[in-house]
Amino acid sequence: MPQGLISGMAFGVAKNDEIKIIQKNQNDYKNAFIALRKREIEGEQMPWFFMSAVFYGKSAPDIMTWVMEYHEDFLKKWHPDLDPSSPGIMRKDILERYAAYIAKPDLPKGKILKDVIELDLQLSQKDLEMLKGELAAFGYAFSHGENNHICSGPDMKFVVTLIDSGKGKITEIKMSCSANPFKEKTFEFGEKSRLVLHADNTATWIF
């Protein structure tokens, strides 16, 4: 990534070459690039996925978005003897192959956490405007809450609270769940990280 390692939120596409459409939309906001990432497979560097992101240079926000599209040959080259037998580029195909590789084929089916439905962030006004420019390329709509800014997409939304100082960060991740065997339960990870499973089959990860 030309601008170095920064904090980001990844989006994915489900069809070949959709990333080019996203890049075109990103370019309507600001210059964007596409890069091919590779990984070593049997001693050879093989295509893994494409990524597209807005190029900010030294003025990048604390948190930005990027898009990935798995290369159509990746699963054809990486342990092709494992399920799924006819893989595409969808994330579920990648996860199924990963699960088969570690000999846990039931891993995707046995999970509790499913999809991210809301992301809560604290951002400066400048970074909020950058985020809105990026999300516009994905078809998001924007509105104001009582004390926040809401960016609504087809599958999830971002809720942003403005800050006057400090570094931008993600404060909460809200997810849908499969059948929750715990009903209401909180798991603590260190001093600040808590995962709360709710009775309505949702979960909140608080940082």
N, C-alpha and C. Protein backbone atom coordinates (compact mmCIF):
# COMPACT_ATOMS: atom_id res chain seq x y z
N MET A 1 0.86 -1.19 0.00
CA MET A 1 0.00 0.00 0.00
C MET A 1 0.89 1.24 0.00
N PRO A 2 0.83 2.10 -0.98
CA PRO A 2 1.78 3.17 -1.13
C PRO A 2 1.90 4.09 0.07
N GLN A 3 0.81 4.29 0.84
CA GLN A 3 0.88 5.24 1.93
C GLN A 3 1.25 4.58 3.26
N GLY A 4 1.68 3.35 3.23
CA GLY A 4 2.14 2.69 4.44
C GLY A 4 0.99 2.04 5.18
N LEU A 5 1.31 1.43 6.31
CA LEU A 5 0.31 0.72 7.11
C LEU A 5 -0.47 1.69 7.97
N ILE A 6 -1.80 1.67 7.84
CA ILE A 6 -2.67 2.50 8.66
C ILE A 6 -3.87 1.65 9.07
N SER A 7 -4.71 2.20 9.95
CA SER A 7 -5.91 1.48 10.36
C SER A 7 -6.97 1.59 9.28
N GLY A 8 -7.61 0.48 8.98
CA GLY A 8 -8.61 0.52 7.93
C GLY A 8 -9.71 -0.49 8.13
N MET A 9 -10.78 -0.33 7.36
CA MET A 9 -11.93 -1.23 7.39
C MET A 9 -12.09 -1.79 5.99
N ALA A 10 -12.09 -3.11 5.89
CA ALA A 10 -12.10 -3.77 4.57
C ALA A 10 -13.51 -4.11 4.13
N PHE A 11 -13.80 -3.83 2.87
CA PHE A 11 -15.03 -4.25 2.22
C PHE A 11 -14.67 -5.31 1.17
N GLY A 12 -15.61 -6.14 0.80
CA GLY A 12 -15.35 -7.16 -0.19
C GLY A 12 -16.37 -7.12 -1.31
N VAL A 13 -16.01 -7.68 -2.47
CA VAL A 13 -16.93 -7.80 -3.60
C VAL A 13 -17.14 -9.27 -3.90
N ALA A 14 -18.20 -9.57 -4.63
CA ALA A 14 -18.59 -10.97 -4.84
C ALA A 14 -18.41 -11.45 -6.26
N LYS A 15 -18.09 -10.55 -7.19
CA LYS A 15 -17.95 -10.94 -8.60
C LYS A 15 -16.64 -10.41 -9.15
N ASN A 16 -16.09 -11.14 -10.11
CA ASN A 16 -14.84 -10.72 -10.74
C ASN A 16 -14.98 -9.33 -11.36
N ASP A 17 -13.95 -8.53 -11.15
CA ASP A 17 -13.80 -7.19 -11.74
C ASP A 17 -14.74 -6.15 -11.14
N GLU A 18 -15.51 -6.49 -10.11
CA GLU A 18 -16.33 -5.47 -9.46
C GLU A 18 -15.46 -4.41 -8.78
N ILE A 19 -14.25 -4.78 -8.41
CA ILE A 19 -13.37 -3.82 -7.76
C ILE A 19 -13.05 -2.66 -8.69
N LYS A 20 -13.06 -2.90 -10.00
CA LYS A 20 -12.79 -1.82 -10.95
C LYS A 20 -13.92 -0.80 -10.97
N ILE A 21 -15.15 -1.27 -10.75
CA ILE A 21 -16.29 -0.36 -10.67
C ILE A 21 -16.16 0.49 -9.41
N ILE A 22 -15.77 -0.16 -8.30
CA ILE A 22 -15.58 0.58 -7.05
C ILE A 22 -14.48 1.63 -7.21
N GLN A 23 -13.37 1.25 -7.85
CA GLN A 23 -12.29 2.20 -8.03
C GLN A 23 -12.74 3.41 -8.84
N LYS A 24 -13.54 3.17 -9.87
CA LYS A 24 -14.06 4.29 -10.68
C LYS A 24 -14.88 5.22 -9.80
N ASN A 25 -15.72 4.66 -8.92
CA ASN A 25 -16.51 5.49 -8.02
C ASN A 25 -15.61 6.22 -7.02
N GLN A 26 -14.57 5.54 -6.54
CA GLN A 26 -13.63 6.18 -5.63
C GLN A 26 -12.94 7.36 -6.30
N ASN A 27 -12.61 7.21 -7.58
CA ASN A 27 -11.93 8.28 -8.30
C ASN A 27 -12.80 9.52 -8.46
N ASP A 28 -14.12 9.35 -8.37
CA ASP A 28 -15.01 10.52 -8.40
C ASP A 28 -14.81 11.38 -7.16
N TYR A 29 -14.31 10.76 -6.07
CA TYR A 29 -14.04 11.49 -4.84
C TYR A 29 -12.58 11.94 -4.77
N LYS A 30 -11.68 11.02 -5.01
CA LYS A 30 -10.25 11.30 -4.91
C LYS A 30 -9.50 10.17 -5.62
N ASN A 31 -8.26 10.42 -6.01
CA ASN A 31 -7.50 9.40 -6.73
C ASN A 31 -7.43 8.10 -5.93
N ALA A 32 -7.69 6.98 -6.60
CA ALA A 32 -7.64 5.67 -5.97
C ALA A 32 -6.72 4.78 -6.78
N PHE A 33 -6.25 3.73 -6.15
CA PHE A 33 -5.35 2.80 -6.82
C PHE A 33 -5.84 1.37 -6.62
N ILE A 34 -5.40 0.47 -7.50
CA ILE A 34 -5.62 -0.97 -7.35
C ILE A 34 -4.26 -1.63 -7.30
N ALA A 35 -4.07 -2.52 -6.33
CA ALA A 35 -2.81 -3.25 -6.20
C ALA A 35 -3.12 -4.74 -6.05
N LEU A 36 -2.26 -5.57 -6.58
CA LEU A 36 -2.39 -7.02 -6.45
C LEU A 36 -1.48 -7.49 -5.33
N ARG A 37 -2.08 -8.17 -4.35
CA ARG A 37 -1.30 -8.76 -3.25
C ARG A 37 -1.04 -10.23 -3.57
N LYS A 38 0.15 -10.70 -3.21
CA LYS A 38 0.52 -12.08 -3.47
C LYS A 38 0.90 -12.78 -2.17
N ARG A 39 0.88 -14.10 -2.19
CA ARG A 39 1.37 -14.89 -1.07
C ARG A 39 2.12 -16.10 -1.62
N GLU A 40 2.99 -16.63 -0.79
CA GLU A 40 3.80 -17.75 -1.24
C GLU A 40 3.02 -19.06 -1.19
N ILE A 41 3.00 -19.77 -2.29
CA ILE A 41 2.36 -21.08 -2.39
C ILE A 41 3.37 -22.03 -3.02
N GLU A 42 3.80 -23.01 -2.22
CA GLU A 42 4.78 -24.00 -2.68
C GLU A 42 6.02 -23.33 -3.27
N GLY A 43 6.51 -22.33 -2.54
CA GLY A 43 7.74 -21.67 -2.93
C GLY A 43 7.62 -20.64 -4.03
N GLU A 44 6.41 -20.38 -4.49
CA GLU A 44 6.19 -19.41 -5.57
C GLU A 44 5.21 -18.34 -5.12
N GLN A 45 5.48 -17.09 -5.48
CA GLN A 45 4.58 -15.99 -5.17
C GLN A 45 3.39 -16.04 -6.13
N MET A 46 2.19 -16.28 -5.57
CA MET A 46 0.99 -16.43 -6.38
C MET A 46 -0.01 -15.33 -6.06
N PRO A 47 -0.85 -14.94 -7.04
CA PRO A 47 -1.87 -13.91 -6.78
C PRO A 47 -2.81 -14.33 -5.66
N TRP A 48 -3.11 -13.40 -4.76
CA TRP A 48 -3.97 -13.66 -3.60
C TRP A 48 -5.25 -12.83 -3.70
N PHE A 49 -5.11 -11.51 -3.68
CA PHE A 49 -6.28 -10.65 -3.84
C PHE A 49 -5.86 -9.28 -4.37
N PHE A 50 -6.84 -8.59 -4.97
CA PHE A 50 -6.67 -7.20 -5.39
C PHE A 50 -7.19 -6.31 -4.26
N MET A 51 -6.59 -5.16 -4.11
CA MET A 51 -7.11 -4.18 -3.16
C MET A 51 -7.19 -2.82 -3.83
N SER A 52 -8.21 -2.06 -3.46
CA SER A 52 -8.38 -0.71 -3.97
C SER A 52 -8.63 0.22 -2.80
N ALA A 53 -8.00 1.39 -2.84
CA ALA A 53 -8.16 2.36 -1.77
C ALA A 53 -7.87 3.75 -2.31
N VAL A 54 -8.41 4.74 -1.63
CA VAL A 54 -8.11 6.13 -1.97
C VAL A 54 -6.67 6.44 -1.55
N PHE A 55 -5.95 7.17 -2.40
CA PHE A 55 -4.57 7.54 -2.09
C PHE A 55 -4.54 8.95 -1.50
N TYR A 56 -4.16 9.05 -0.22
CA TYR A 56 -4.10 10.34 0.46
C TYR A 56 -2.68 10.86 0.62
N GLY A 57 -1.69 10.00 0.39
CA GLY A 57 -0.33 10.43 0.68
C GLY A 57 -0.15 10.61 2.18
N LYS A 58 0.42 11.73 2.59
CA LYS A 58 0.70 11.98 4.00
C LYS A 58 -0.51 12.51 4.77
N SER A 59 -1.62 12.76 4.08
CA SER A 59 -2.80 13.34 4.75
C SER A 59 -3.88 12.31 5.03
N ALA A 60 -3.50 11.03 5.14
CA ALA A 60 -4.48 9.96 5.36
C ALA A 60 -5.19 10.14 6.69
N PRO A 61 -6.48 9.78 6.76
CA PRO A 61 -7.22 9.85 8.03
C PRO A 61 -6.76 8.75 8.97
N ASP A 62 -7.18 8.85 10.24
CA ASP A 62 -6.82 7.83 11.23
C ASP A 62 -7.39 6.47 10.85
N ILE A 63 -8.59 6.46 10.29
CA ILE A 63 -9.24 5.22 9.86
C ILE A 63 -9.81 5.43 8.46
N MET A 64 -9.47 4.53 7.55
CA MET A 64 -9.98 4.65 6.19
C MET A 64 -10.52 3.30 5.72
N THR A 65 -11.14 3.29 4.56
CA THR A 65 -11.70 2.06 4.01
C THR A 65 -10.84 1.57 2.86
N TRP A 66 -10.92 0.28 2.59
CA TRP A 66 -10.32 -0.29 1.39
C TRP A 66 -11.17 -1.48 0.96
N VAL A 67 -11.01 -1.86 -0.29
CA VAL A 67 -11.84 -2.91 -0.88
C VAL A 67 -10.92 -4.04 -1.34
N MET A 68 -11.36 -5.27 -1.12
CA MET A 68 -10.59 -6.41 -1.60
C MET A 68 -11.44 -7.30 -2.49
N GLU A 69 -10.77 -7.87 -3.49
CA GLU A 69 -11.39 -8.84 -4.38
C GLU A 69 -10.42 -10.01 -4.53
N TYR A 70 -10.80 -11.18 -4.05
CA TYR A 70 -9.92 -12.33 -4.15
C TYR A 70 -9.64 -12.65 -5.62
N HIS A 71 -8.40 -13.02 -5.90
CA HIS A 71 -8.03 -13.41 -7.25
C HIS A 71 -8.69 -14.74 -7.60
N GLU A 72 -9.21 -14.85 -8.80
CA GLU A 72 -9.96 -16.04 -9.18
C GLU A 72 -9.10 -17.31 -9.19
N ASP A 73 -7.78 -17.17 -9.25
CA ASP A 73 -6.90 -18.34 -9.27
C ASP A 73 -6.42 -18.76 -7.89
N PHE A 74 -6.72 -17.96 -6.86
CA PHE A 74 -6.15 -18.26 -5.55
C PHE A 74 -6.54 -19.65 -5.04
N LEU A 75 -7.83 -19.92 -4.98
CA LEU A 75 -8.26 -21.23 -4.47
C LEU A 75 -7.99 -22.37 -5.45
N LYS A 76 -7.74 -22.02 -6.71
CA LYS A 76 -7.35 -23.05 -7.67
C LYS A 76 -5.93 -23.54 -7.42
N LYS A 77 -5.12 -22.67 -6.78
CA LYS A 77 -3.72 -22.99 -6.53
C LYS A 77 -3.45 -23.42 -5.10
N TRP A 78 -4.23 -22.89 -4.15
CA TRP A 78 -3.96 -23.14 -2.73
C TRP A 78 -4.81 -24.31 -2.23
N HIS A 79 -4.19 -25.47 -2.07
CA HIS A 79 -4.85 -26.69 -1.61
C HIS A 79 -6.13 -26.98 -2.40
N PRO A 80 -6.02 -27.13 -3.72
CA PRO A 80 -7.21 -27.33 -4.56
C PRO A 80 -7.92 -28.65 -4.32
N ASP A 81 -7.30 -29.57 -3.58
CA ASP A 81 -7.93 -30.86 -3.29
C ASP A 81 -8.98 -30.76 -2.19
N LEU A 82 -9.04 -29.61 -1.49
CA LEU A 82 -9.97 -29.44 -0.36
C LEU A 82 -11.24 -28.74 -0.82
N ASP A 83 -12.29 -28.87 0.00
CA ASP A 83 -13.55 -28.17 -0.27
C ASP A 83 -13.35 -26.66 -0.14
N PRO A 84 -14.17 -25.90 -0.87
CA PRO A 84 -15.21 -26.33 -1.81
C PRO A 84 -14.61 -26.79 -3.14
N SER A 85 -15.32 -27.68 -3.81
CA SER A 85 -14.79 -28.29 -5.03
C SER A 85 -14.82 -27.33 -6.22
N SER A 86 -15.77 -26.41 -6.23
CA SER A 86 -15.87 -25.43 -7.33
C SER A 86 -15.92 -24.03 -6.74
N PRO A 87 -14.80 -23.54 -6.22
CA PRO A 87 -14.81 -22.27 -5.50
C PRO A 87 -14.88 -21.06 -6.42
N GLY A 88 -15.41 -19.98 -5.87
CA GLY A 88 -15.39 -18.70 -6.56
C GLY A 88 -14.49 -17.75 -5.80
N ILE A 89 -14.88 -16.47 -5.74
CA ILE A 89 -14.09 -15.48 -5.02
C ILE A 89 -14.80 -14.96 -3.78
N MET A 90 -15.93 -15.58 -3.42
CA MET A 90 -16.68 -15.09 -2.26
C MET A 90 -15.98 -15.48 -0.97
N ARG A 91 -16.18 -14.64 0.04
CA ARG A 91 -15.54 -14.86 1.33
C ARG A 91 -15.90 -16.22 1.91
N LYS A 92 -17.14 -16.65 1.70
CA LYS A 92 -17.57 -17.93 2.27
C LYS A 92 -16.76 -19.09 1.68
N ASP A 93 -16.37 -18.97 0.40
CA ASP A 93 -15.54 -20.01 -0.22
C ASP A 93 -14.15 -20.02 0.39
N ILE A 94 -13.60 -18.84 0.64
CA ILE A 94 -12.29 -18.73 1.26
C ILE A 94 -12.31 -19.34 2.65
N LEU A 95 -13.33 -18.99 3.44
CA LEU A 95 -13.43 -19.50 4.81
C LEU A 95 -13.62 -21.01 4.83
N GLU A 96 -14.40 -21.53 3.88
CA GLU A 96 -14.60 -22.99 3.81
C GLU A 96 -13.28 -23.70 3.52
N ARG A 97 -12.47 -23.14 2.62
CA ARG A 97 -11.18 -23.74 2.31
C ARG A 97 -10.24 -23.64 3.52
N TYR A 98 -10.23 -22.49 4.20
CA TYR A 98 -9.40 -22.34 5.40
C TYR A 98 -9.80 -23.38 6.46
N ALA A 99 -11.12 -23.54 6.66
CA ALA A 99 -11.60 -24.48 7.66
C ALA A 99 -11.21 -25.91 7.29
N ALA A 100 -11.31 -26.25 6.01
CA ALA A 100 -10.92 -27.59 5.56
C ALA A 100 -9.42 -27.82 5.75
N TYR A 101 -8.63 -26.76 5.55
CA TYR A 101 -7.18 -26.87 5.68
C TYR A 101 -6.76 -27.16 7.11
N ILE A 102 -7.46 -26.56 8.07
CA ILE A 102 -7.11 -26.81 9.48
C ILE A 102 -7.93 -27.97 10.06
N ALA A 103 -8.55 -28.73 9.18
CA ALA A 103 -9.28 -29.96 9.56
C ALA A 103 -10.42 -29.68 10.52
N LYS A 104 -11.12 -28.55 10.31
CA LYS A 104 -12.30 -28.24 11.10
C LYS A 104 -13.42 -27.82 10.15
N PRO A 105 -13.96 -28.75 9.39
CA PRO A 105 -14.95 -28.40 8.38
C PRO A 105 -16.24 -27.82 8.94
N ASP A 106 -16.48 -28.03 10.25
CA ASP A 106 -17.71 -27.50 10.84
C ASP A 106 -17.53 -26.10 11.38
N LEU A 107 -16.34 -25.50 11.22
CA LEU A 107 -16.07 -24.21 11.82
C LEU A 107 -17.03 -23.12 11.37
N PRO A 108 -17.25 -22.94 10.04
CA PRO A 108 -18.18 -21.88 9.66
C PRO A 108 -19.60 -22.12 10.13
N LYS A 109 -20.03 -23.39 10.21
CA LYS A 109 -21.41 -23.68 10.60
C LYS A 109 -21.62 -23.54 12.11
N GLY A 110 -20.57 -23.69 12.89
CA GLY A 110 -20.74 -23.67 14.33
C GLY A 110 -20.53 -22.32 14.98
N LYS A 111 -20.34 -21.29 14.19
CA LYS A 111 -20.03 -19.99 14.76
C LYS A 111 -21.28 -19.35 15.37
N ILE A 112 -21.05 -18.47 16.33
CA ILE A 112 -22.14 -17.69 16.95
C ILE A 112 -22.25 -16.33 16.28
N LEU A 113 -21.12 -15.64 16.12
CA LEU A 113 -21.11 -14.31 15.51
C LEU A 113 -21.27 -14.44 14.01
N LYS A 114 -22.11 -13.59 13.42
CA LYS A 114 -22.36 -13.65 11.98
C LYS A 114 -21.86 -12.39 11.29
N ASP A 115 -22.75 -11.47 10.97
CA ASP A 115 -22.38 -10.30 10.17
C ASP A 115 -22.31 -9.04 11.02
N VAL A 116 -21.40 -8.15 10.64
CA VAL A 116 -21.34 -6.83 11.26
C VAL A 116 -22.51 -6.01 10.73
N ILE A 117 -23.29 -5.43 11.62
CA ILE A 117 -24.45 -4.64 11.21
C ILE A 117 -24.30 -3.16 11.56
N GLU A 118 -23.36 -2.85 12.47
CA GLU A 118 -23.14 -1.45 12.82
C GLU A 118 -21.73 -1.28 13.37
N LEU A 119 -21.11 -0.17 12.99
CA LEU A 119 -19.78 0.16 13.49
C LEU A 119 -19.85 1.55 14.07
N ASP A 120 -19.49 1.71 15.35
CA ASP A 120 -19.49 3.01 16.01
C ASP A 120 -18.06 3.53 16.10
N LEU A 121 -17.87 4.78 15.68
CA LEU A 121 -16.53 5.36 15.66
C LEU A 121 -16.51 6.74 16.31
N GLN A 122 -15.33 7.15 16.74
CA GLN A 122 -15.06 8.53 17.15
C GLN A 122 -14.06 9.11 16.16
N LEU A 123 -14.45 10.19 15.47
CA LEU A 123 -13.61 10.78 14.44
C LEU A 123 -13.63 12.30 14.55
N SER A 124 -12.58 12.91 14.03
CA SER A 124 -12.58 14.36 13.88
C SER A 124 -13.49 14.75 12.73
N GLN A 125 -13.84 16.03 12.64
CA GLN A 125 -14.68 16.49 11.54
C GLN A 125 -14.00 16.24 10.20
N LYS A 126 -12.71 16.46 10.13
CA LYS A 126 -11.96 16.23 8.89
C LYS A 126 -12.03 14.77 8.48
N ASP A 127 -11.80 13.86 9.43
CA ASP A 127 -11.83 12.43 9.11
C ASP A 127 -13.23 11.95 8.77
N LEU A 128 -14.25 12.56 9.38
CA LEU A 128 -15.63 12.21 9.03
C LEU A 128 -15.90 12.55 7.57
N GLU A 129 -15.47 13.72 7.12
CA GLU A 129 -15.71 14.10 5.73
C GLU A 129 -14.98 13.16 4.78
N MET A 130 -13.77 12.71 5.16
CA MET A 130 -13.05 11.75 4.33
C MET A 130 -13.79 10.42 4.28
N LEU A 131 -14.30 9.96 5.44
CA LEU A 131 -15.04 8.70 5.47
C LEU A 131 -16.28 8.78 4.61
N LYS A 132 -16.99 9.90 4.67
CA LYS A 132 -18.19 10.05 3.86
C LYS A 132 -17.85 10.03 2.37
N GLY A 133 -16.72 10.62 2.01
CA GLY A 133 -16.31 10.59 0.61
C GLY A 133 -16.02 9.18 0.14
N GLU A 134 -15.39 8.38 1.01
CA GLU A 134 -15.09 6.99 0.66
C GLU A 134 -16.36 6.16 0.58
N LEU A 135 -17.24 6.31 1.58
CA LEU A 135 -18.46 5.49 1.62
C LEU A 135 -19.43 5.85 0.49
N ALA A 136 -19.36 7.07 0.00
CA ALA A 136 -20.22 7.46 -1.13
C ALA A 136 -19.93 6.57 -2.34
N ALA A 137 -18.69 6.12 -2.47
CA ALA A 137 -18.32 5.25 -3.59
C ALA A 137 -18.99 3.89 -3.49
N PHE A 138 -19.44 3.52 -2.28
CA PHE A 138 -20.10 2.23 -2.06
C PHE A 138 -21.62 2.38 -2.02
N GLY A 139 -22.13 3.59 -2.28
CA GLY A 139 -23.57 3.81 -2.31
C GLY A 139 -24.21 4.11 -0.97
N TYR A 140 -23.43 4.58 0.00
CA TYR A 140 -23.98 4.89 1.32
C TYR A 140 -24.73 6.22 1.30
N ALA A 141 -25.73 6.33 2.18
CA ALA A 141 -26.49 7.57 2.38
C ALA A 141 -26.13 8.15 3.75
N PHE A 142 -26.30 9.46 3.91
CA PHE A 142 -25.82 10.13 5.12
C PHE A 142 -26.93 10.93 5.78
N SER A 143 -26.95 10.89 7.10
CA SER A 143 -27.94 11.64 7.86
C SER A 143 -27.34 12.02 9.21
N HIS A 144 -28.08 12.87 9.94
CA HIS A 144 -27.64 13.30 11.27
C HIS A 144 -28.54 12.67 12.33
N GLY A 145 -27.93 12.13 13.39
CA GLY A 145 -28.67 11.74 14.56
C GLY A 145 -28.70 12.90 15.54
N GLU A 146 -29.17 12.64 16.74
CA GLU A 146 -29.25 13.72 17.74
C GLU A 146 -27.86 14.21 18.13
N ASN A 147 -26.93 13.26 18.32
CA ASN A 147 -25.58 13.64 18.72
C ASN A 147 -24.51 12.95 17.87
N ASN A 148 -24.90 12.51 16.67
CA ASN A 148 -23.94 11.77 15.87
C ASN A 148 -24.27 11.91 14.38
N HIS A 149 -23.43 11.29 13.56
CA HIS A 149 -23.61 11.26 12.11
C HIS A 149 -23.76 9.81 11.70
N ILE A 150 -24.72 9.53 10.82
CA ILE A 150 -25.04 8.16 10.45
C ILE A 150 -24.79 7.96 8.95
N CYS A 151 -24.03 6.93 8.63
CA CYS A 151 -23.75 6.55 7.24
C CYS A 151 -24.39 5.19 7.02
N SER A 152 -25.43 5.13 6.21
CA SER A 152 -26.23 3.90 6.07
C SER A 152 -25.99 3.25 4.72
N GLY A 153 -25.62 1.97 4.75
CA GLY A 153 -25.41 1.20 3.52
C GLY A 153 -26.44 0.10 3.40
N PRO A 154 -26.27 -0.77 2.41
CA PRO A 154 -27.27 -1.83 2.19
C PRO A 154 -27.28 -2.89 3.28
N ASP A 155 -26.15 -3.15 3.94
CA ASP A 155 -26.08 -4.23 4.92
C ASP A 155 -25.71 -3.77 6.32
N MET A 156 -25.16 -2.58 6.45
CA MET A 156 -24.72 -2.11 7.76
C MET A 156 -24.66 -0.60 7.77
N LYS A 157 -24.41 -0.04 8.95
CA LYS A 157 -24.29 1.41 9.05
C LYS A 157 -23.11 1.78 9.94
N PHE A 158 -22.60 2.99 9.73
CA PHE A 158 -21.57 3.57 10.56
C PHE A 158 -22.19 4.70 11.36
N VAL A 159 -21.91 4.72 12.66
CA VAL A 159 -22.39 5.80 13.53
C VAL A 159 -21.16 6.51 14.08
N VAL A 160 -21.03 7.80 13.74
CA VAL A 160 -19.82 8.55 14.08
C VAL A 160 -20.14 9.64 15.09
N THR A 161 -19.38 9.65 16.17
CA THR A 161 -19.41 10.73 17.15
C THR A 161 -18.16 11.59 16.94
N LEU A 162 -18.35 12.91 16.86
CA LEU A 162 -17.22 13.80 16.60
C LEU A 162 -16.40 14.04 17.86
N ILE A 163 -15.09 14.15 17.65
CA ILE A 163 -14.17 14.47 18.74
C ILE A 163 -13.34 15.68 18.33
N ASP A 164 -12.94 16.49 19.31
CA ASP A 164 -12.15 17.69 19.05
C ASP A 164 -10.65 17.41 19.08
N SER A 165 -10.25 16.35 19.77
CA SER A 165 -8.83 16.03 19.87
C SER A 165 -8.68 14.52 20.06
N GLY A 166 -7.44 14.04 19.95
CA GLY A 166 -7.20 12.62 20.10
C GLY A 166 -7.29 11.90 18.76
N LYS A 167 -6.94 10.64 18.78
CA LYS A 167 -6.91 9.83 17.56
C LYS A 167 -8.26 9.15 17.32
N GLY A 168 -8.67 9.12 16.06
CA GLY A 168 -9.91 8.44 15.72
C GLY A 168 -9.83 6.95 16.01
N LYS A 169 -10.96 6.37 16.38
CA LYS A 169 -10.95 4.95 16.73
C LYS A 169 -12.34 4.34 16.60
N ILE A 170 -12.37 3.02 16.52
CA ILE A 170 -13.61 2.26 16.59
C ILE A 170 -13.93 2.00 18.05
N THR A 171 -15.14 2.29 18.47
CA THR A 171 -15.52 2.11 19.87
C THR A 171 -16.42 0.90 20.09
N GLU A 172 -17.26 0.58 19.11
CA GLU A 172 -18.15 -0.57 19.25
C GLU A 172 -18.39 -1.22 17.89
N ILE A 173 -18.53 -2.54 17.90
CA ILE A 173 -18.93 -3.29 16.71
C ILE A 173 -20.19 -4.07 17.08
N LYS A 174 -21.25 -3.85 16.34
CA LYS A 174 -22.50 -4.58 16.58
C LYS A 174 -22.65 -5.65 15.49
N MET A 175 -23.02 -6.86 15.92
CA MET A 175 -23.10 -8.00 15.00
C MET A 175 -24.40 -8.76 15.19
N SER A 176 -24.83 -9.40 14.11
CA SER A 176 -25.93 -10.36 14.23
C SER A 176 -25.34 -11.69 14.68
N CYS A 177 -26.16 -12.54 15.27
CA CYS A 177 -25.70 -13.84 15.78
C CYS A 177 -26.59 -14.95 15.27
N SER A 178 -26.04 -16.14 15.24
CA SER A 178 -26.86 -17.32 15.07
C SER A 178 -27.52 -17.61 16.42
N ALA A 179 -28.18 -18.72 16.56
CA ALA A 179 -28.83 -19.04 17.84
C ALA A 179 -27.82 -18.89 18.97
N ASN A 180 -28.15 -18.04 19.93
CA ASN A 180 -27.23 -17.71 21.03
C ASN A 180 -27.49 -18.64 22.21
N PRO A 181 -26.58 -19.56 22.52
CA PRO A 181 -26.81 -20.50 23.63
C PRO A 181 -26.67 -19.86 25.00
N PHE A 182 -26.11 -18.64 25.06
CA PHE A 182 -25.85 -18.00 26.35
C PHE A 182 -26.94 -17.01 26.74
N LYS A 183 -27.81 -16.64 25.78
CA LYS A 183 -28.79 -15.58 25.99
C LYS A 183 -28.06 -14.29 26.34
N GLU A 184 -28.10 -13.83 27.58
CA GLU A 184 -27.35 -12.63 27.95
C GLU A 184 -26.06 -13.04 28.65
N LYS A 185 -24.91 -12.67 28.05
CA LYS A 185 -23.64 -13.03 28.65
C LYS A 185 -22.56 -12.06 28.19
N THR A 186 -21.64 -11.71 29.10
CA THR A 186 -20.53 -10.80 28.78
C THR A 186 -19.21 -11.53 28.95
N PHE A 187 -18.35 -11.38 27.92
CA PHE A 187 -17.00 -11.92 27.97
C PHE A 187 -16.03 -10.74 28.02
N GLU A 188 -15.06 -10.80 28.91
CA GLU A 188 -14.09 -9.72 29.05
C GLU A 188 -12.73 -10.16 28.53
N PHE A 189 -12.10 -9.26 27.75
CA PHE A 189 -10.77 -9.52 27.20
C PHE A 189 -9.86 -8.36 27.61
N GLY A 190 -9.11 -8.54 28.68
CA GLY A 190 -8.27 -7.46 29.18
C GLY A 190 -9.09 -6.42 29.93
N GLU A 191 -8.57 -5.21 30.01
CA GLU A 191 -9.20 -4.17 30.83
C GLU A 191 -10.33 -3.44 30.11
N LYS A 192 -10.27 -3.34 28.77
CA LYS A 192 -11.22 -2.48 28.07
C LYS A 192 -12.12 -3.21 27.07
N SER A 193 -11.75 -4.38 26.65
CA SER A 193 -12.49 -5.07 25.60
C SER A 193 -13.53 -6.01 26.20
N ARG A 194 -14.81 -5.80 25.79
CA ARG A 194 -15.91 -6.64 26.27
C ARG A 194 -16.78 -7.06 25.10
N LEU A 195 -17.14 -8.33 25.06
CA LEU A 195 -18.08 -8.85 24.08
C LEU A 195 -19.36 -9.22 24.79
N VAL A 196 -20.46 -8.56 24.42
CA VAL A 196 -21.75 -8.77 25.08
C VAL A 196 -22.69 -9.47 24.11
N LEU A 197 -23.15 -10.66 24.48
CA LEU A 197 -24.15 -11.39 23.69
C LEU A 197 -25.52 -11.07 24.26
N HIS A 198 -26.43 -10.65 23.37
CA HIS A 198 -27.77 -10.23 23.80
C HIS A 198 -28.81 -11.30 23.49
N ALA A 199 -29.92 -11.25 24.19
CA ALA A 199 -30.99 -12.25 24.03
C ALA A 199 -31.69 -12.14 22.68
N ASP A 200 -31.54 -10.99 21.99
CA ASP A 200 -32.21 -10.82 20.69
C ASP A 200 -31.33 -11.29 19.53
N ASN A 201 -30.34 -12.15 19.84
CA ASN A 201 -29.44 -12.71 18.83
C ASN A 201 -28.61 -11.62 18.13
N THR A 202 -28.18 -10.63 18.91
CA THR A 202 -27.20 -9.67 18.46
C THR A 202 -26.06 -9.66 19.48
N ALA A 203 -24.95 -9.04 19.11
CA ALA A 203 -23.81 -8.94 20.01
C ALA A 203 -23.16 -7.59 19.83
N THR A 204 -22.53 -7.09 20.90
CA THR A 204 -21.81 -5.83 20.85
C THR A 204 -20.41 -6.04 21.38
N TRP A 205 -19.41 -5.69 20.57
CA TRP A 205 -18.02 -5.76 21.02
C TRP A 205 -17.58 -4.33 21.33
N ILE A 206 -17.26 -4.09 22.59
CA ILE A 206 -16.94 -2.75 23.08
C ILE A 206 -15.45 -2.65 23.34
N PHE A 207 -14.84 -1.55 22.88
CA PHE A 207 -13.41 -1.35 23.06
C PHE A 207 -13.15 -0.14 23.95
